[in-house]
């Protein structure tokens, strides 16, 4: 089992910044990638960013966040971060941390991000 604990969400004004953190614990051997998804009310959960944990550091971003969000990892701390800059109202959502360990995907409990205008 893998446990994911997110932190860093909150309320911010348009143009502001937030940094989300996701700390993983448990049976982490075989972790392939970690990332962030988000879900706004009435919408499906969507990819925000994914970063490989082994090998390449090339990350994948949703088009809507490219140039504004940056995903980073600290393998020593088993932690992934999402730096969010130039936030927009449409970024308002519950953000979920994801970890893929071999063929199993684990999810965190989610953290609310609200961008007010």
PDB file of N, CA and C in Angstrom:
ATOM      1  N   UNK A   1       0.825  -1.194   0.000  1.00  0.00           N
ATOM      2  CA  UNK A   1       0.000   0.000   0.000  1.00  0.00           C
ATOM      3  C   UNK A   1       0.862   1.247   0.000  1.00  0.00           C
ATOM      4  N   UNK A   2       0.344   2.272  -0.607  1.00  0.00           N
ATOM      5  CA  UNK A   2       1.021   3.560  -0.676  1.00  0.00           C
ATOM      6  C   UNK A   2       0.078   4.619  -0.125  1.00  0.00           C
ATOM      7  N   UNK A   3       0.632   5.488   0.678  1.00  0.00           N
ATOM      8  CA  UNK A   3      -0.139   6.604   1.202  1.00  0.00           C
ATOM      9  C   UNK A   3       0.416   7.902   0.617  1.00  0.00           C
ATOM     10  N   UNK A   4      -0.472   8.760   0.211  1.00  0.00           N
ATOM     11  CA  UNK A   4      -0.107  10.055  -0.364  1.00  0.00           C
ATOM     12  C   UNK A   4      -0.776  11.154   0.456  1.00  0.00           C
ATOM     13  N   UNK A   5       0.028  12.083   0.931  1.00  0.00           N
ATOM     14  CA  UNK A   5      -0.498  13.180   1.731  1.00  0.00           C
ATOM     15  C   UNK A   5      -0.176  14.500   1.045  1.00  0.00           C
ATOM     16  N   UNK A   6      -1.226  15.198   0.652  1.00  0.00           N
ATOM     17  CA  UNK A   6      -1.062  16.472  -0.046  1.00  0.00           C
ATOM     18  C   UNK A   6      -1.140  17.628   0.942  1.00  0.00           C
ATOM     19  N   UNK A   7      -0.502  18.720   0.580  1.00  0.00           N
ATOM     20  CA  UNK A   7      -0.601  19.955   1.355  1.00  0.00           C
ATOM     21  C   UNK A   7      -0.327  21.130   0.433  1.00  0.00           C
ATOM     22  N   UNK A   8      -0.700  22.317   0.910  1.00  0.00           N
ATOM     23  CA  UNK A   8      -0.372  23.538   0.180  1.00  0.00           C
ATOM     24  C   UNK A   8      -1.518  24.200  -0.546  1.00  0.00           C
ATOM     25  N   UNK A   9      -2.688  23.598  -0.552  1.00  0.00           N
ATOM     26  CA  UNK A   9      -3.816  24.237  -1.219  1.00  0.00           C
ATOM     27  C   UNK A   9      -4.306  25.436  -0.421  1.00  0.00           C
ATOM     28  N   UNK A  10      -5.250  26.170  -1.022  1.00  0.00           N
ATOM     29  CA  UNK A  10      -5.803  27.319  -0.324  1.00  0.00           C
ATOM     30  C   UNK A  10      -6.476  28.288  -1.265  1.00  0.00           C
ATOM     31  N   UNK A  11      -6.709  29.476  -0.744  1.00  0.00           N
ATOM     32  CA  UNK A  11      -7.369  30.538  -1.504  1.00  0.00           C
ATOM     33  C   UNK A  11      -6.330  31.563  -1.933  1.00  0.00           C
ATOM     34  N   UNK A  12      -6.353  31.921  -3.202  1.00  0.00           N
ATOM     35  CA  UNK A  12      -5.380  32.884  -3.731  1.00  0.00           C
ATOM     36  C   UNK A  12      -6.077  33.759  -4.768  1.00  0.00           C
ATOM     37  N   UNK A  13      -5.576  34.951  -4.942  1.00  0.00           N
ATOM     38  CA  UNK A  13      -6.149  35.853  -5.935  1.00  0.00           C
ATOM     39  C   UNK A  13      -5.587  35.560  -7.323  1.00  0.00           C
ATOM     40  N   UNK A  14      -6.302  36.031  -8.312  1.00  0.00           N
ATOM     41  CA  UNK A  14      -5.850  35.872  -9.693  1.00  0.00           C
ATOM     42  C   UNK A  14      -4.431  36.426  -9.837  1.00  0.00           C
ATOM     43  N   UNK A  15      -3.590  35.656 -10.514  1.00  0.00           N
ATOM     44  CA  UNK A  15      -2.203  36.056 -10.707  1.00  0.00           C
ATOM     45  C   UNK A  15      -1.278  35.612  -9.598  1.00  0.00           C
ATOM     46  N   UNK A  16      -1.843  35.048  -8.551  1.00  0.00           N
ATOM     47  CA  UNK A  16      -1.040  34.620  -7.407  1.00  0.00           C
ATOM     48  C   UNK A  16      -0.357  33.288  -7.627  1.00  0.00           C
ATOM     49  N   UNK A  17       0.336  32.829  -6.585  1.00  0.00           N
ATOM     50  CA  UNK A  17       1.075  31.580  -6.662  1.00  0.00           C
ATOM     51  C   UNK A  17       0.721  30.676  -5.481  1.00  0.00           C
ATOM     52  N   UNK A  18       0.844  29.381  -5.707  1.00  0.00           N
ATOM     53  CA  UNK A  18       0.718  28.371  -4.669  1.00  0.00           C
ATOM     54  C   UNK A  18       1.685  27.251  -5.002  1.00  0.00           C
ATOM     55  N   UNK A  19       2.134  26.554  -3.956  1.00  0.00           N
ATOM     56  CA  UNK A  19       2.934  25.362  -4.172  1.00  0.00           C
ATOM     57  C   UNK A  19       2.305  24.205  -3.428  1.00  0.00           C
ATOM     58  N   UNK A  20       1.980  23.168  -4.178  1.00  0.00           N
ATOM     59  CA  UNK A  20       1.433  21.953  -3.600  1.00  0.00           C
ATOM     60  C   UNK A  20       2.556  20.952  -3.363  1.00  0.00           C
ATOM     61  N   UNK A  21       2.418  20.193  -2.282  1.00  0.00           N
ATOM     62  CA  UNK A  21       3.363  19.130  -1.973  1.00  0.00           C
ATOM     63  C   UNK A  21       2.610  17.821  -1.812  1.00  0.00           C
ATOM     64  N   UNK A  22       3.266  16.739  -2.182  1.00  0.00           N
ATOM     65  CA  UNK A  22       2.690  15.407  -2.010  1.00  0.00           C
ATOM     66  C   UNK A  22       3.780  14.481  -1.498  1.00  0.00           C
ATOM     67  N   UNK A  23       3.616  14.023  -0.271  1.00  0.00           N
ATOM     68  CA  UNK A  23       4.576  13.122   0.344  1.00  0.00           C
ATOM     69  C   UNK A  23       4.049  11.691   0.276  1.00  0.00           C
ATOM     70  N   UNK A  24       4.873  10.815  -0.260  1.00  0.00           N
ATOM     71  CA  UNK A  24       4.487   9.415  -0.404  1.00  0.00           C
ATOM     72  C   UNK A  24       5.160   8.570   0.668  1.00  0.00           C
ATOM     73  N   UNK A  25       4.444   7.568   1.145  1.00  0.00           N
ATOM     74  CA  UNK A  25       5.000   6.629   2.118  1.00  0.00           C
ATOM     75  C   UNK A  25       4.391   5.256   1.868  1.00  0.00           C
ATOM     76  N   UNK A  26       5.050   4.250   2.456  1.00  0.00           N
ATOM     77  CA  UNK A  26       4.550   2.888   2.286  1.00  0.00           C
ATOM     78  C   UNK A  26       5.435   2.096   1.348  1.00  0.00           C
ATOM     79  N   UNK A  27       4.828   1.237   0.557  1.00  0.00           N
ATOM     80  CA  UNK A  27       5.558   0.343  -0.351  1.00  0.00           C
ATOM     81  C   UNK A  27       5.834   1.072  -1.665  1.00  0.00           C
ATOM     82  N   UNK A  28       6.937   1.800  -1.682  1.00  0.00           N
ATOM     83  CA  UNK A  28       7.243   2.681  -2.807  1.00  0.00           C
ATOM     84  C   UNK A  28       8.136   2.042  -3.858  1.00  0.00           C
ATOM     85  N   UNK A  29       8.665   0.863  -3.579  1.00  0.00           N
ATOM     86  CA  UNK A  29       9.541   0.203  -4.532  1.00  0.00           C
ATOM     87  C   UNK A  29       8.751  -0.078  -5.803  1.00  0.00           C
ATOM     88  N   UNK A  30       9.300   0.348  -6.914  1.00  0.00           N
ATOM     89  CA  UNK A  30       8.608   0.155  -8.180  1.00  0.00           C
ATOM     90  C   UNK A  30       7.794   1.345  -8.627  1.00  0.00           C
ATOM     91  N   UNK A  31       7.939   2.468  -7.922  1.00  0.00           N
ATOM     92  CA  UNK A  31       7.226   3.674  -8.337  1.00  0.00           C
ATOM     93  C   UNK A  31       7.750   4.132  -9.700  1.00  0.00           C
ATOM     94  N   UNK A  32       6.839   4.315 -10.614  1.00  0.00           N
ATOM     95  CA  UNK A  32       7.193   4.681 -11.978  1.00  0.00           C
ATOM     96  C   UNK A  32       7.059   6.186 -12.199  1.00  0.00           C
ATOM     97  N   UNK A  33       5.985   6.747 -11.699  1.00  0.00           N
ATOM     98  CA  UNK A  33       5.726   8.169 -11.921  1.00  0.00           C
ATOM     99  C   UNK A  33       4.818   8.700 -10.831  1.00  0.00           C
ATOM    100  N   UNK A  34       4.881   9.991 -10.642  1.00  0.00           N
ATOM    101  CA  UNK A  34       3.956  10.693  -9.755  1.00  0.00           C
ATOM    102  C   UNK A  34       3.445  11.918 -10.482  1.00  0.00           C
ATOM    103  N   UNK A  35       2.327  12.405 -10.037  1.00  0.00           N
ATOM    104  CA  UNK A  35       1.788  13.565 -10.737  1.00  0.00           C
ATOM    105  C   UNK A  35       0.605  14.175 -10.025  1.00  0.00           C
ATOM    106  N   UNK A  36       0.005  15.124 -10.715  1.00  0.00           N
ATOM    107  CA  UNK A  36      -1.137  15.854 -10.184  1.00  0.00           C
ATOM    108  C   UNK A  36      -2.263  15.841 -11.200  1.00  0.00           C
ATOM    109  N   UNK A  37      -3.446  15.600 -10.695  1.00  0.00           N
ATOM    110  CA  UNK A  37      -4.678  15.731 -11.462  1.00  0.00           C
ATOM    111  C   UNK A  37      -5.557  16.731 -10.723  1.00  0.00           C
ATOM    112  N   UNK A  38      -6.579  17.221 -11.422  1.00  0.00           N
ATOM    113  CA  UNK A  38      -7.518  18.117 -10.749  1.00  0.00           C
ATOM    114  C   UNK A  38      -8.934  17.859 -11.241  1.00  0.00           C
ATOM    115  N   UNK A  39      -9.871  18.227 -10.392  1.00  0.00           N
ATOM    116  CA  UNK A  39     -11.276  18.042 -10.731  1.00  0.00           C
ATOM    117  C   UNK A  39     -12.074  19.234 -10.230  1.00  0.00           C
ATOM    118  N   UNK A  40     -12.690  19.933 -11.164  1.00  0.00           N
ATOM    119  CA  UNK A  40     -13.566  21.042 -10.835  1.00  0.00           C
ATOM    120  C   UNK A  40     -15.007  20.537 -10.758  1.00  0.00           C
ATOM    121  N   UNK A  41     -15.870  21.223 -10.042  1.00  0.00           N
ATOM    122  CA  UNK A  41     -17.266  20.786  -9.925  1.00  0.00           C
ATOM    123  C   UNK A  41     -17.909  20.597 -11.285  1.00  0.00           C
ATOM    124  N   UNK A  42     -18.527  19.433 -11.484  1.00  0.00           N
ATOM    125  CA  UNK A  42     -19.202  19.153 -12.736  1.00  0.00           C
ATOM    126  C   UNK A  42     -18.304  18.664 -13.856  1.00  0.00           C
ATOM    127  N   UNK A  43     -17.004  18.624 -13.568  1.00  0.00           N
ATOM    128  CA  UNK A  43     -16.049  18.187 -14.597  1.00  0.00           C
ATOM    129  C   UNK A  43     -15.415  16.858 -14.221  1.00  0.00           C
ATOM    130  N   UNK A  44     -14.840  16.208 -15.233  1.00  0.00           N
ATOM    131  CA  UNK A  44     -14.097  14.992 -14.974  1.00  0.00           C
ATOM    132  C   UNK A  44     -12.709  15.345 -14.441  1.00  0.00           C
ATOM    133  N   UNK A  45     -12.106  14.378 -13.771  1.00  0.00           N
ATOM    134  CA  UNK A  45     -10.739  14.563 -13.303  1.00  0.00           C
ATOM    135  C   UNK A  45      -9.817  14.632 -14.510  1.00  0.00           C
ATOM    136  N   UNK A  46      -8.907  15.609 -14.499  1.00  0.00           N
ATOM    137  CA  UNK A  46      -8.027  15.791 -15.643  1.00  0.00           C
ATOM    138  C   UNK A  46      -6.569  15.876 -15.214  1.00  0.00           C
ATOM    139  N   UNK A  47      -5.705  15.493 -16.125  1.00  0.00           N
ATOM    140  CA  UNK A  47      -4.269  15.553 -15.876  1.00  0.00           C
ATOM    141  C   UNK A  47      -3.808  17.000 -15.787  1.00  0.00           C
ATOM    142  N   UNK A  48      -2.953  17.264 -14.815  1.00  0.00           N
ATOM    143  CA  UNK A  48      -2.277  18.561 -14.727  1.00  0.00           C
ATOM    144  C   UNK A  48      -0.812  18.398 -15.129  1.00  0.00           C
ATOM    145  N   UNK A  49      -0.108  17.497 -14.449  1.00  0.00           N
ATOM    146  CA  UNK A  49       1.302  17.282 -14.742  1.00  0.00           C
ATOM    147  C   UNK A  49       1.733  15.935 -14.174  1.00  0.00           C
ATOM    148  N   UNK A  50       2.667  15.301 -14.865  1.00  0.00           N
ATOM    149  CA  UNK A  50       3.237  14.023 -14.430  1.00  0.00           C
ATOM    150  C   UNK A  50       4.741  14.095 -14.590  1.00  0.00           C
ATOM    151  N   UNK A  51       5.465  13.501 -13.633  1.00  0.00           N
ATOM    152  CA  UNK A  51       6.916  13.445 -13.707  1.00  0.00           C
ATOM    153  C   UNK A  51       7.364  12.019 -13.471  1.00  0.00           C
ATOM    154  N   UNK A  52       8.283  11.492 -14.291  1.00  0.00           N
ATOM    155  CA  UNK A  52       8.812  10.155 -14.036  1.00  0.00           C
ATOM    156  C   UNK A  52       9.643  10.154 -12.750  1.00  0.00           C
ATOM    157  N   UNK A  53       9.640   9.033 -12.067  1.00  0.00           N
ATOM    158  CA  UNK A  53      10.424   8.925 -10.844  1.00  0.00           C
ATOM    159  C   UNK A  53      11.748   8.238 -11.096  1.00  0.00           C
ATOM    160  N   UNK A  54      11.825   7.382 -12.104  1.00  0.00           N
ATOM    161  CA  UNK A  54      13.071   6.725 -12.439  1.00  0.00           C
ATOM    162  C   UNK A  54      13.462   7.145 -13.844  1.00  0.00           C
ATOM    163  N   UNK A  55      14.784   7.268 -14.063  1.00  0.00           N
ATOM    164  CA  UNK A  55      15.267   7.581 -15.392  1.00  0.00           C
ATOM    165  C   UNK A  55      15.032   9.029 -15.772  1.00  0.00           C
ATOM    166  N   UNK A  56      14.337   9.241 -16.857  1.00  0.00           N
ATOM    167  CA  UNK A  56      14.130  10.575 -17.429  1.00  0.00           C
ATOM    168  C   UNK A  56      13.456  11.525 -16.449  1.00  0.00           C
ATOM    169  N   UNK A  57      13.782  12.800 -16.597  1.00  0.00           N
ATOM    170  CA  UNK A  57      13.104  13.842 -15.807  1.00  0.00           C
ATOM    171  C   UNK A  57      12.136  14.628 -16.670  1.00  0.00           C
ATOM    172  N   UNK A  58      11.878  14.154 -17.873  1.00  0.00           N
ATOM    173  CA  UNK A  58      10.966  14.871 -18.770  1.00  0.00           C
ATOM    174  C   UNK A  58       9.543  14.753 -18.255  1.00  0.00           C
ATOM    175  N   UNK A  59       8.936  15.877 -17.986  1.00  0.00           N
ATOM    176  CA  UNK A  59       7.588  15.905 -17.450  1.00  0.00           C
ATOM    177  C   UNK A  59       6.565  16.178 -18.544  1.00  0.00           C
ATOM    178  N   UNK A  60       5.333  15.854 -18.238  1.00  0.00           N
ATOM    179  CA  UNK A  60       4.217  16.091 -19.140  1.00  0.00           C
ATOM    180  C   UNK A  60       3.244  17.053 -18.477  1.00  0.00           C
ATOM    181  N   UNK A  61       2.786  18.032 -19.230  1.00  0.00           N
ATOM    182  CA  UNK A  61       1.861  19.032 -18.708  1.00  0.00           C
ATOM    183  C   UNK A  61       0.615  19.129 -19.576  1.00  0.00           C
ATOM    184  N   UNK A  62      -0.483  19.459 -18.943  1.00  0.00           N
ATOM    185  CA  UNK A  62      -1.677  19.822 -19.707  1.00  0.00           C
ATOM    186  C   UNK A  62      -1.401  21.140 -20.421  1.00  0.00           C
ATOM    187  N   UNK A  63      -1.977  21.291 -21.601  1.00  0.00           N
ATOM    188  CA  UNK A  63      -1.752  22.522 -22.369  1.00  0.00           C
ATOM    189  C   UNK A  63      -2.178  23.751 -21.573  1.00  0.00           C
ATOM    190  N   UNK A  64      -3.208  23.598 -20.778  1.00  0.00           N
ATOM    191  CA  UNK A  64      -3.767  24.736 -20.055  1.00  0.00           C
ATOM    192  C   UNK A  64      -2.838  25.276 -18.970  1.00  0.00           C
ATOM    193  N   UNK A  65      -1.824  24.500 -18.565  1.00  0.00           N
ATOM    194  CA  UNK A  65      -0.950  24.952 -17.485  1.00  0.00           C
ATOM    195  C   UNK A  65       0.497  25.134 -17.936  1.00  0.00           C
ATOM    196  N   UNK A  66       0.799  24.786 -19.167  1.00  0.00           N
ATOM    197  CA  UNK A  66       2.167  24.927 -19.656  1.00  0.00           C
ATOM    198  C   UNK A  66       2.639  26.379 -19.538  1.00  0.00           C
ATOM    199  N   UNK A  67       3.869  26.524 -19.039  1.00  0.00           N
ATOM    200  CA  UNK A  67       4.423  27.852 -18.874  1.00  0.00           C
ATOM    201  C   UNK A  67       4.050  28.515 -17.564  1.00  0.00           C
ATOM    202  N   UNK A  68       3.081  27.950 -16.845  1.00  0.00           N
ATOM    203  CA  UNK A  68       2.659  28.520 -15.562  1.00  0.00           C
ATOM    204  C   UNK A  68       2.929  27.584 -14.392  1.00  0.00           C
ATOM    205  N   UNK A  69       2.793  26.300 -14.605  1.00  0.00           N
ATOM    206  CA  UNK A  69       2.989  25.306 -13.552  1.00  0.00           C
ATOM    207  C   UNK A  69       4.282  24.548 -13.795  1.00  0.00           C
ATOM    208  N   UNK A  70       4.926  24.150 -12.710  1.00  0.00           N
ATOM    209  CA  UNK A  70       6.137  23.338 -12.799  1.00  0.00           C
ATOM    210  C   UNK A  70       6.044  22.213 -11.790  1.00  0.00           C
ATOM    211  N   UNK A  71       6.283  20.994 -12.256  1.00  0.00           N
ATOM    212  CA  UNK A  71       6.309  19.839 -11.368  1.00  0.00           C
ATOM    213  C   UNK A  71       7.759  19.469 -11.112  1.00  0.00           C
ATOM    214  N   UNK A  72       8.043  19.092  -9.869  1.00  0.00           N
ATOM    215  CA  UNK A  72       9.403  18.720  -9.499  1.00  0.00           C
ATOM    216  C   UNK A  72       9.336  17.587  -8.483  1.00  0.00           C
ATOM    217  N   UNK A  73      10.432  16.852  -8.380  1.00  0.00           N
ATOM    218  CA  UNK A  73      10.465  15.730  -7.451  1.00  0.00           C
ATOM    219  C   UNK A  73      11.691  15.822  -6.570  1.00  0.00           C
ATOM    220  N   UNK A  74      11.561  15.275  -5.369  1.00  0.00           N
ATOM    221  CA  UNK A  74      12.685  15.093  -4.454  1.00  0.00           C
ATOM    222  C   UNK A  74      12.659  13.622  -4.061  1.00  0.00           C
ATOM    223  N   UNK A  75      13.438  12.822  -4.763  1.00  0.00           N
ATOM    224  CA  UNK A  75      13.388  11.379  -4.533  1.00  0.00           C
ATOM    225  C   UNK A  75      13.821  11.011  -3.113  1.00  0.00           C
ATOM    226  N   UNK A  76      14.741  11.770  -2.537  1.00  0.00           N
ATOM    227  CA  UNK A  76      15.217  11.478  -1.181  1.00  0.00           C
ATOM    228  C   UNK A  76      14.089  11.630  -0.162  1.00  0.00           C
ATOM    229  N   UNK A  77      13.161  12.527  -0.448  1.00  0.00           N
ATOM    230  CA  UNK A  77      12.036  12.771   0.462  1.00  0.00           C
ATOM    231  C   UNK A  77      10.760  12.094  -0.007  1.00  0.00           C
ATOM    232  N   UNK A  78      10.820  11.395  -1.141  1.00  0.00           N
ATOM    233  CA  UNK A  78       9.614  10.767  -1.708  1.00  0.00           C
ATOM    234  C   UNK A  78       8.488  11.789  -1.853  1.00  0.00           C
ATOM    235  N   UNK A  79       8.848  12.936  -2.336  1.00  0.00           N
ATOM    236  CA  UNK A  79       7.901  14.049  -2.406  1.00  0.00           C
ATOM    237  C   UNK A  79       7.898  14.658  -3.804  1.00  0.00           C
ATOM    238  N   UNK A  80       6.713  15.027  -4.246  1.00  0.00           N
ATOM    239  CA  UNK A  80       6.540  15.721  -5.513  1.00  0.00           C
ATOM    240  C   UNK A  80       5.878  17.059  -5.237  1.00  0.00           C
ATOM    241  N   UNK A  81       6.305  18.057  -5.960  1.00  0.00           N
ATOM    242  CA  UNK A  81       5.794  19.414  -5.779  1.00  0.00           C
ATOM    243  C   UNK A  81       5.139  19.905  -7.067  1.00  0.00           C
ATOM    244  N   UNK A  82       4.197  20.794  -6.914  1.00  0.00           N
ATOM    245  CA  UNK A  82       3.605  21.471  -8.065  1.00  0.00           C
ATOM    246  C   UNK A  82       3.616  22.965  -7.769  1.00  0.00           C
ATOM    247  N   UNK A  83       4.502  23.666  -8.447  1.00  0.00           N
ATOM    248  CA  UNK A  83       4.567  25.115  -8.323  1.00  0.00           C
ATOM    249  C   UNK A  83       3.599  25.729  -9.313  1.00  0.00           C
ATOM    250  N   UNK A  84       2.656  26.504  -8.808  1.00  0.00           N
ATOM    251  CA  UNK A  84       1.624  27.084  -9.657  1.00  0.00           C
ATOM    252  C   UNK A  84       1.740  28.597  -9.631  1.00  0.00           C
ATOM    253  N   UNK A  85       2.046  29.173 -10.781  1.00  0.00           N
ATOM    254  CA  UNK A  85       2.179  30.612 -10.918  1.00  0.00           C
ATOM    255  C   UNK A  85       1.090  31.156 -11.830  1.00  0.00           C
ATOM    256  N   UNK A  86       0.899  32.452 -11.766  1.00  0.00           N
ATOM    257  CA  UNK A  86      -0.078  33.131 -12.638  1.00  0.00           C
ATOM    258  C   UNK A  86      -1.423  32.416 -12.629  1.00  0.00           C
ATOM    259  N   UNK A  87      -1.908  32.157 -11.447  1.00  0.00           N
ATOM    260  CA  UNK A  87      -3.138  31.378 -11.313  1.00  0.00           C
ATOM    261  C   UNK A  87      -4.341  32.125 -11.874  1.00  0.00           C
ATOM    262  N   UNK A  88      -5.242  31.339 -12.450  1.00  0.00           N
ATOM    263  CA  UNK A  88      -6.447  31.863 -13.077  1.00  0.00           C
ATOM    264  C   UNK A  88      -7.682  31.279 -12.386  1.00  0.00           C
ATOM    265  N   UNK A  89      -8.824  31.917 -12.504  1.00  0.00           N
ATOM    266  CA  UNK A  89     -10.039  31.354 -11.901  1.00  0.00           C
ATOM    267  C   UNK A  89     -10.333  29.943 -12.390  1.00  0.00           C
ATOM    268  N   UNK A  90     -10.004  29.660 -13.634  1.00  0.00           N
ATOM    269  CA  UNK A  90     -10.269  28.309 -14.171  1.00  0.00           C
ATOM    270  C   UNK A  90      -9.347  27.241 -13.600  1.00  0.00           C
ATOM    271  N   UNK A  91      -8.369  27.643 -12.808  1.00  0.00           N
ATOM    272  CA  UNK A  91      -7.525  26.671 -12.108  1.00  0.00           C
ATOM    273  C   UNK A  91      -8.179  26.188 -10.813  1.00  0.00           C
ATOM    274  N   UNK A  92      -9.292  26.789 -10.442  1.00  0.00           N
ATOM    275  CA  UNK A  92      -9.997  26.375  -9.232  1.00  0.00           C
ATOM    276  C   UNK A  92     -10.477  24.941  -9.359  1.00  0.00           C
ATOM    277  N   UNK A  93     -10.081  24.112  -8.401  1.00  0.00           N
ATOM    278  CA  UNK A  93     -10.414  22.688  -8.439  1.00  0.00           C
ATOM    279  C   UNK A  93      -9.865  22.016  -7.194  1.00  0.00           C
ATOM    280  N   UNK A  94     -10.253  20.768  -7.022  1.00  0.00           N
ATOM    281  CA  UNK A  94      -9.575  19.912  -6.045  1.00  0.00           C
ATOM    282  C   UNK A  94      -8.414  19.249  -6.773  1.00  0.00           C
ATOM    283  N   UNK A  95      -7.233  19.384  -6.223  1.00  0.00           N
ATOM    284  CA  UNK A  95      -6.033  18.820  -6.823  1.00  0.00           C
ATOM    285  C   UNK A  95      -5.680  17.517  -6.106  1.00  0.00           C
ATOM    286  N   UNK A  96      -5.479  16.481  -6.907  1.00  0.00           N
ATOM    287  CA  UNK A  96      -5.180  15.152  -6.373  1.00  0.00           C
ATOM    288  C   UNK A  96      -3.774  14.731  -6.780  1.00  0.00           C
ATOM    289  N   UNK A  97      -3.039  14.225  -5.818  1.00  0.00           N
ATOM    290  CA  UNK A  97      -1.738  13.626  -6.090  1.00  0.00           C
ATOM    291  C   UNK A  97      -1.947  12.193  -6.553  1.00  0.00           C
ATOM    292  N   UNK A  98      -1.125  11.763  -7.481  1.00  0.00           N
ATOM    293  CA  UNK A  98      -1.208  10.417  -8.036  1.00  0.00           C
ATOM    294  C   UNK A  98       0.166   9.793  -8.010  1.00  0.00           C
ATOM    295  N   UNK A  99       0.204   8.499  -7.693  1.00  0.00           N
ATOM    296  CA  UNK A  99       1.450   7.746  -7.774  1.00  0.00           C
ATOM    297  C   UNK A  99       1.160   6.427  -8.464  1.00  0.00           C
ATOM    298  N   UNK A 100       2.011   6.119  -9.442  1.00  0.00           N
ATOM    299  CA  UNK A 100       1.876   4.835 -10.117  1.00  0.00           C
ATOM    300  C   UNK A 100       3.016   3.935  -9.649  1.00  0.00           C
ATOM    301  N   UNK A 101       2.659   2.851  -8.997  1.00  0.00           N
ATOM    302  CA  UNK A 101       3.625   1.879  -8.521  1.00  0.00           C
ATOM    303  C   UNK A 101       3.385   0.589  -9.305  1.00  0.00           C
ATOM    304  N   UNK A 102       4.311   0.311 -10.174  1.00  0.00           N
ATOM    305  CA  UNK A 102       4.138  -0.784 -11.155  1.00  0.00           C
ATOM    306  C   UNK A 102       2.831  -0.543 -11.909  1.00  0.00           C
ATOM    307  N   UNK A 103       1.855  -1.409 -11.772  1.00  0.00           N
ATOM    308  CA  UNK A 103       0.607  -1.251 -12.534  1.00  0.00           C
ATOM    309  C   UNK A 103      -0.525  -0.698 -11.685  1.00  0.00           C
ATOM    310  N   UNK A 104      -0.230  -0.292 -10.464  1.00  0.00           N
ATOM    311  CA  UNK A 104      -1.272   0.187  -9.551  1.00  0.00           C
ATOM    312  C   UNK A 104      -1.171   1.698  -9.396  1.00  0.00           C
ATOM    313  N   UNK A 105      -2.303   2.363  -9.466  1.00  0.00           N
ATOM    314  CA  UNK A 105      -2.354   3.817  -9.299  1.00  0.00           C
ATOM    315  C   UNK A 105      -2.986   4.142  -7.950  1.00  0.00           C
ATOM    316  N   UNK A 106      -2.299   4.976  -7.205  1.00  0.00           N
ATOM    317  CA  UNK A 106      -2.786   5.426  -5.904  1.00  0.00           C
ATOM    318  C   UNK A 106      -3.115   6.917  -5.970  1.00  0.00           C
ATOM    319  N   UNK A 107      -4.072   7.319  -5.125  1.00  0.00           N
ATOM    320  CA  UNK A 107      -4.514   8.713  -5.109  1.00  0.00           C
ATOM    321  C   UNK A 107      -4.452   9.281  -3.695  1.00  0.00           C
ATOM    322  N   UNK A 108      -4.157  10.557  -3.610  1.00  0.00           N
ATOM    323  CA  UNK A 108      -4.266  11.248  -2.343  1.00  0.00           C
ATOM    324  C   UNK A 108      -5.700  11.671  -2.106  1.00  0.00           C
ATOM    325  N   UNK A 109      -5.915  12.329  -0.974  1.00  0.00           N
ATOM    326  CA  UNK A 109      -7.268  12.697  -0.593  1.00  0.00           C
ATOM    327  C   UNK A 109      -7.740  13.982  -1.263  1.00  0.00           C
ATOM    328  N   UNK A 110      -6.826  14.704  -1.852  1.00  0.00           N
ATOM    329  CA  UNK A 110      -7.160  15.932  -2.551  1.00  0.00           C
ATOM    330  C   UNK A 110      -6.985  17.168  -1.698  1.00  0.00           C
ATOM    331  N   UNK A 111      -6.624  18.261  -2.347  1.00  0.00           N
ATOM    332  CA  UNK A 111      -6.500  19.541  -1.665  1.00  0.00           C
ATOM    333  C   UNK A 111      -7.154  20.612  -2.529  1.00  0.00           C
ATOM    334  N   UNK A 112      -7.934  21.468  -1.891  1.00  0.00           N
ATOM    335  CA  UNK A 112      -8.696  22.468  -2.628  1.00  0.00           C
ATOM    336  C   UNK A 112      -7.827  23.660  -2.987  1.00  0.00           C
ATOM    337  N   UNK A 113      -7.906  24.069  -4.235  1.00  0.00           N
ATOM    338  CA  UNK A 113      -7.287  25.301  -4.704  1.00  0.00           C
ATOM    339  C   UNK A 113      -8.399  26.195  -5.253  1.00  0.00           C
ATOM    340  N   UNK A 114      -8.506  27.396  -4.693  1.00  0.00           N
ATOM    341  CA  UNK A 114      -9.519  28.333  -5.134  1.00  0.00           C
ATOM    342  C   UNK A 114      -8.843  29.633  -5.549  1.00  0.00           C
ATOM    343  N   UNK A 115      -9.099  30.047  -6.778  1.00  0.00           N
ATOM    344  CA  UNK A 115      -8.531  31.287  -7.305  1.00  0.00           C
ATOM    345  C   UNK A 115      -9.665  32.293  -7.451  1.00  0.00           C
ATOM    346  N   UNK A 116      -9.566  33.363  -6.705  1.00  0.00           N
ATOM    347  CA  UNK A 116     -10.637  34.352  -6.704  1.00  0.00           C
ATOM    348  C   UNK A 116     -10.271  35.554  -7.550  1.00  0.00           C
ATOM    349  N   UNK A 117     -11.288  36.112  -8.164  1.00  0.00           N
ATOM    350  CA  UNK A 117     -11.084  37.313  -8.981  1.00  0.00           C
ATOM    351  C   UNK A 117     -11.604  38.549  -8.255  1.00  0.00           C
TER     352      UNK A 117
END
